[in-house]
Amino acid sequence: MKKAASACLCGIACRYNGKEVTNLNENEKKYLPVCPEILGGLSAPRTPVEIQGNIINNSYDDLVASKIKVVDKEGNDYSQIFIESADKGLKIILDNDIEEVLLKDGSPTCGCNLIYDGTFTSNKIAGNGVFCALLKKYGIKIIEWSE
C-alpha cells in the first residue's frame, strides 16, 4: 500500500514554527512527505493561521463557498492560498496512487477531526483542515496523528 504523510511527520521542518514533529521516515522511507502549505508558497517559519467560522462539520466545499475562512492572528485572509495548496497536495496524492495519508492533528491544513478553534488560544475543537477535508471529499483514507 502506498502511503503519504504530513511532511512535518517525515522529518521536514515545515511547520508554521519552522520545526518538524517527528521523523517517521528515519529508518525506512515508507511515507511520501507532503506539505500543502509549502507547496502553496508559504515559508517556514510563518505566522500561525487558524480556521474561523462554522467549522464543526466543515467541508472543503464550505471553504470554497467562503462559509469559513483561514486567517492569521492579524486577520489576514489566507483562504485562497490554502485552497490552492490543498489542490496541489491532492494532485501529488492522486499522481502517486497514494491509498492512505497520515495527517497531523490541529493543523489548518492537515488537521483530521481536530483543529484549533480560530481564536489563537490553543483550544482545539472538532473539525478538519483544508487538505484533510479535500482528501475526504475524494475518498482518500486518512489516519490521524496526534501528539
C-alpha atoms as a PDB file:
ATOM      1  CA  MET A   1       0.000   0.000   0.000  1.00  0.00           C
ATOM      2  CA  LYS A   2       1.357   3.406  -0.977  1.00  0.00           C
ATOM      3  CA  LYS A   3       1.301   5.922   1.883  1.00  0.00           C
ATOM      4  CA  ALA A   4       1.901   9.635   2.355  1.00  0.00           C
ATOM      5  CA  ALA A   5       2.182  11.759   5.486  1.00  0.00           C
ATOM      6  CA  SER A   6       2.305  15.361   6.587  1.00  0.00           C
ATOM      7  CA  ALA A   7       5.879  16.380   5.783  1.00  0.00           C
ATOM      8  CA  CYS A   8       6.449  17.577   9.368  1.00  0.00           C
ATOM      9  CA  LEU A   9       5.945  13.948  10.448  1.00  0.00           C
ATOM     10  CA  CYS A  10       8.646  12.839   8.000  1.00  0.00           C
ATOM     11  CA  GLY A  11      11.454  14.921   9.482  1.00  0.00           C
ATOM     12  CA  ILE A  12      10.946  18.049   7.387  1.00  0.00           C
ATOM     13  CA  ALA A  13      10.973  21.347   9.314  1.00  0.00           C
ATOM     14  CA  CYS A  14       7.977  22.880   7.548  1.00  0.00           C
ATOM     15  CA  ARG A  15       5.556  23.670  10.378  1.00  0.00           C
ATOM     16  CA  TYR A  16       4.474  27.268  10.994  1.00  0.00           C
ATOM     17  CA  ASN A  17       7.149  27.486  13.721  1.00  0.00           C
ATOM     18  CA  GLY A  18       9.843  26.073  11.432  1.00  0.00           C
ATOM     19  CA  LYS A  19      10.079  22.726  13.248  1.00  0.00           C
ATOM     20  CA  GLU A  20       9.389  19.105  12.492  1.00  0.00           C
ATOM     21  CA  VAL A  21       7.154  16.953  14.692  1.00  0.00           C
ATOM     22  CA  THR A  22       8.967  13.635  14.318  1.00  0.00           C
ATOM     23  CA  ASN A  23      10.724  11.608  11.634  1.00  0.00           C
ATOM     24  CA  LEU A  24       8.653   8.586  10.677  1.00  0.00           C
ATOM     25  CA  ASN A  25      10.956   8.029   7.679  1.00  0.00           C
ATOM     26  CA  GLU A  26      14.133   7.923   9.773  1.00  0.00           C
ATOM     27  CA  ASN A  27      14.761   4.185   9.369  1.00  0.00           C
ATOM     28  CA  GLU A  28      12.831   3.482   6.181  1.00  0.00           C
ATOM     29  CA  LYS A  29      11.202   5.729   3.615  1.00  0.00           C
ATOM     30  CA  LYS A  30       7.673   4.367   3.859  1.00  0.00           C
ATOM     31  CA  TYR A  31       5.794   7.697   3.610  1.00  0.00           C
ATOM     32  CA  LEU A  32       5.787  10.209   0.787  1.00  0.00           C
ATOM     33  CA  PRO A  33       6.112  13.578   2.573  1.00  0.00           C
ATOM     34  CA  VAL A  34       3.561  16.223   1.561  1.00  0.00           C
ATOM     35  CA  CYS A  35       3.215  19.770   2.905  1.00  0.00           C
ATOM     36  CA  PRO A  36       0.486  21.672   1.074  1.00  0.00           C
ATOM     37  CA  GLU A  37       1.388  24.897   2.892  1.00  0.00           C
ATOM     38  CA  ILE A  38       4.923  24.829   1.456  1.00  0.00           C
ATOM     39  CA  LEU A  39       3.524  23.762  -1.949  1.00  0.00           C
ATOM     40  CA  GLY A  40       1.303  26.856  -1.754  1.00  0.00           C
ATOM     41  CA  GLY A  41       4.313  29.129  -1.304  1.00  0.00           C
ATOM     42  CA  LEU A  42       4.214  29.687   2.452  1.00  0.00           C
ATOM     43  CA  SER A  43       7.546  29.795   4.265  1.00  0.00           C
ATOM     44  CA  ALA A  44       8.706  28.125   7.456  1.00  0.00           C
ATOM     45  CA  PRO A  45       8.577  29.678   9.935  1.00  0.00           C
ATOM     46  CA  ARG A  46       5.443  31.701   9.237  1.00  0.00           C
ATOM     47  CA  THR A  47       2.656  33.450  11.099  1.00  0.00           C
ATOM     48  CA  PRO A  48       0.223  30.917  12.596  1.00  0.00           C
ATOM     49  CA  VAL A  49      -3.142  30.636  10.878  1.00  0.00           C
ATOM     50  CA  GLU A  50      -6.383  29.035  12.026  1.00  0.00           C
ATOM     51  CA  ILE A  51      -9.770  28.280  10.510  1.00  0.00           C
ATOM     52  CA  GLN A  52     -12.625  30.539  11.580  1.00  0.00           C
ATOM     53  CA  GLY A  53     -16.341  30.180  11.012  1.00  0.00           C
ATOM     54  CA  ASN A  54     -18.753  27.271  11.309  1.00  0.00           C
ATOM     55  CA  ILE A  55     -16.044  24.630  11.429  1.00  0.00           C
ATOM     56  CA  ILE A  56     -17.646  21.811  13.406  1.00  0.00           C
ATOM     57  CA  ASN A  57     -18.664  19.972  10.234  1.00  0.00           C
ATOM     58  CA  ASN A  58     -16.608  21.980   7.795  1.00  0.00           C
ATOM     59  CA  SER A  59     -16.002  20.633   4.365  1.00  0.00           C
ATOM     60  CA  TYR A  60     -13.775  21.687   1.522  1.00  0.00           C
ATOM     61  CA  ASP A  61     -16.861  22.969  -0.287  1.00  0.00           C
ATOM     62  CA  ASP A  62     -17.704  25.221   2.708  1.00  0.00           C
ATOM     63  CA  LEU A  63     -14.275  26.845   2.410  1.00  0.00           C
ATOM     64  CA  VAL A  64     -14.591  27.345  -1.329  1.00  0.00           C
ATOM     65  CA  ALA A  65     -18.048  28.887  -0.778  1.00  0.00           C
ATOM     66  CA  SER A  66     -16.499  31.268   1.815  1.00  0.00           C
ATOM     67  CA  LYS A  67     -18.572  29.913   4.710  1.00  0.00           C
ATOM     68  CA  ILE A  68     -15.331  29.512   6.641  1.00  0.00           C
ATOM     69  CA  LYS A  69     -12.031  31.382   6.407  1.00  0.00           C
ATOM     70  CA  VAL A  70      -8.373  30.662   7.074  1.00  0.00           C
ATOM     71  CA  VAL A  71      -6.809  33.713   8.752  1.00  0.00           C
ATOM     72  CA  ASP A  72      -3.686  34.674  10.657  1.00  0.00           C
ATOM     73  CA  LYS A  73      -3.598  36.395  14.052  1.00  0.00           C
ATOM     74  CA  GLU A  74      -3.811  39.821  12.387  1.00  0.00           C
ATOM     75  CA  GLY A  75      -6.899  38.832  10.405  1.00  0.00           C
ATOM     76  CA  ASN A  76      -5.191  38.446   7.021  1.00  0.00           C
ATOM     77  CA  ASP A  77      -7.188  36.031   4.869  1.00  0.00           C
ATOM     78  CA  TYR A  78      -5.222  33.010   3.634  1.00  0.00           C
ATOM     79  CA  SER A  79      -8.260  31.078   2.406  1.00  0.00           C
ATOM     80  CA  GLN A  80      -7.372  31.155  -1.296  1.00  0.00           C
ATOM     81  CA  ILE A  81      -3.771  30.134  -0.622  1.00  0.00           C
ATOM     82  CA  PHE A  82      -4.983  27.176   1.433  1.00  0.00           C
ATOM     83  CA  ILE A  83      -7.463  26.141  -1.273  1.00  0.00           C
ATOM     84  CA  GLU A  84      -4.753  26.253  -3.938  1.00  0.00           C
ATOM     85  CA  SER A  85      -2.217  24.461  -1.745  1.00  0.00           C
ATOM     86  CA  ALA A  86      -4.704  21.687  -0.890  1.00  0.00           C
ATOM     87  CA  ASP A  87      -5.333  21.232  -4.614  1.00  0.00           C
ATOM     88  CA  LYS A  88      -1.569  20.877  -5.204  1.00  0.00           C
ATOM     89  CA  GLY A  89      -1.308  18.340  -2.379  1.00  0.00           C
ATOM     90  CA  LEU A  90      -4.230  16.340  -3.780  1.00  0.00           C
ATOM     91  CA  LYS A  91      -2.542  16.232  -7.192  1.00  0.00           C
ATOM     92  CA  ILE A  92       0.548  14.666  -5.592  1.00  0.00           C
ATOM     93  CA  ILE A  93      -1.595  12.105  -3.779  1.00  0.00           C
ATOM     94  CA  LEU A  94      -3.508  11.167  -6.936  1.00  0.00           C
ATOM     95  CA  ASP A  95      -0.447  11.208  -9.241  1.00  0.00           C
ATOM     96  CA  ASN A  96       1.365   8.799  -6.898  1.00  0.00           C
ATOM     97  CA  ASP A  97      -1.602   6.459  -6.371  1.00  0.00           C
ATOM     98  CA  ILE A  98      -1.475   7.043  -2.609  1.00  0.00           C
ATOM     99  CA  GLU A  99      -4.042   4.946  -0.757  1.00  0.00           C
ATOM    100  CA  GLU A 100      -3.546   6.231   2.796  1.00  0.00           C
ATOM    101  CA  VAL A 101      -2.420   9.573   4.241  1.00  0.00           C
ATOM    102  CA  LEU A 102      -1.202  10.159   7.804  1.00  0.00           C
ATOM    103  CA  LEU A 103      -2.058  13.726   8.841  1.00  0.00           C
ATOM    104  CA  LYS A 104      -1.017  15.840  11.839  1.00  0.00           C
ATOM    105  CA  ASP A 105      -3.933  16.940  14.010  1.00  0.00           C
ATOM    106  CA  GLY A 106      -4.564  20.575  14.865  1.00  0.00           C
ATOM    107  CA  SER A 107      -3.262  21.978  11.605  1.00  0.00           C
ATOM    108  CA  PRO A 108      -5.481  24.259   9.491  1.00  0.00           C
ATOM    109  CA  THR A 109      -4.224  22.195   6.561  1.00  0.00           C
ATOM    110  CA  CYS A 110      -3.766  18.637   7.792  1.00  0.00           C
ATOM    111  CA  GLY A 111      -5.931  18.569  10.918  1.00  0.00           C
ATOM    112  CA  CYS A 112      -8.111  15.483  10.906  1.00  0.00           C
ATOM    113  CA  ASN A 113     -11.193  15.603  13.136  1.00  0.00           C
ATOM    114  CA  LEU A 114      -9.424  18.062  15.475  1.00  0.00           C
ATOM    115  CA  ILE A 115      -8.253  21.609  14.696  1.00  0.00           C
ATOM    116  CA  TYR A 116      -7.602  24.831  16.591  1.00  0.00           C
ATOM    117  CA  ASP A 117     -10.789  26.828  17.173  1.00  0.00           C
ATOM    118  CA  GLY A 118      -9.807  30.040  15.351  1.00  0.00           C
ATOM    119  CA  THR A 119      -9.203  32.116  18.495  1.00  0.00           C
ATOM    120  CA  PHE A 120      -5.414  31.579  18.672  1.00  0.00           C
ATOM    121  CA  THR A 121      -5.759  30.427  22.301  1.00  0.00           C
ATOM    122  CA  SER A 122      -4.573  26.805  21.753  1.00  0.00           C
ATOM    123  CA  ASN A 123      -8.109  25.431  22.161  1.00  0.00           C
ATOM    124  CA  LYS A 124      -8.938  22.524  19.877  1.00  0.00           C
ATOM    125  CA  ILE A 125     -12.368  21.590  18.564  1.00  0.00           C
ATOM    126  CA  ALA A 126     -13.867  19.069  16.159  1.00  0.00           C
ATOM    127  CA  GLY A 127     -13.142  19.949  12.535  1.00  0.00           C
ATOM    128  CA  ASN A 128     -10.921  19.237   9.561  1.00  0.00           C
ATOM    129  CA  GLY A 129      -8.086  21.150   7.970  1.00  0.00           C
ATOM    130  CA  VAL A 130      -8.420  22.223   4.345  1.00  0.00           C
ATOM    131  CA  PHE A 131      -6.226  19.458   2.870  1.00  0.00           C
ATOM    132  CA  CYS A 132      -7.843  16.810   5.066  1.00  0.00           C
ATOM    133  CA  ALA A 133     -11.317  17.950   4.027  1.00  0.00           C
ATOM    134  CA  LEU A 134     -10.323  17.763   0.352  1.00  0.00           C
ATOM    135  CA  LEU A 135      -8.830  14.280   0.737  1.00  0.00           C
ATOM    136  CA  LYS A 136     -12.008  13.118   2.479  1.00  0.00           C
ATOM    137  CA  LYS A 137     -14.066  14.551  -0.377  1.00  0.00           C
ATOM    138  CA  TYR A 138     -12.059  12.341  -2.752  1.00  0.00           C
ATOM    139  CA  GLY A 139     -12.429   9.269  -0.527  1.00  0.00           C
ATOM    140  CA  ILE A 140      -8.752   9.032   0.417  1.00  0.00           C
ATOM    141  CA  LYS A 141      -8.190   7.062   3.642  1.00  0.00           C
ATOM    142  CA  ILE A 142      -6.955   9.377   6.413  1.00  0.00           C
ATOM    143  CA  ILE A 143      -5.069   8.317   9.546  1.00  0.00           C
ATOM    144  CA  GLU A 144      -4.827  10.905  12.328  1.00  0.00           C
ATOM    145  CA  TRP A 145      -1.517  11.565  14.095  1.00  0.00           C
ATOM    146  CA  SER A 146      -1.855  13.284  17.452  1.00  0.00           C
ATOM    147  CA  GLU A 147       0.836  14.166  19.949  1.00  0.00           C
END
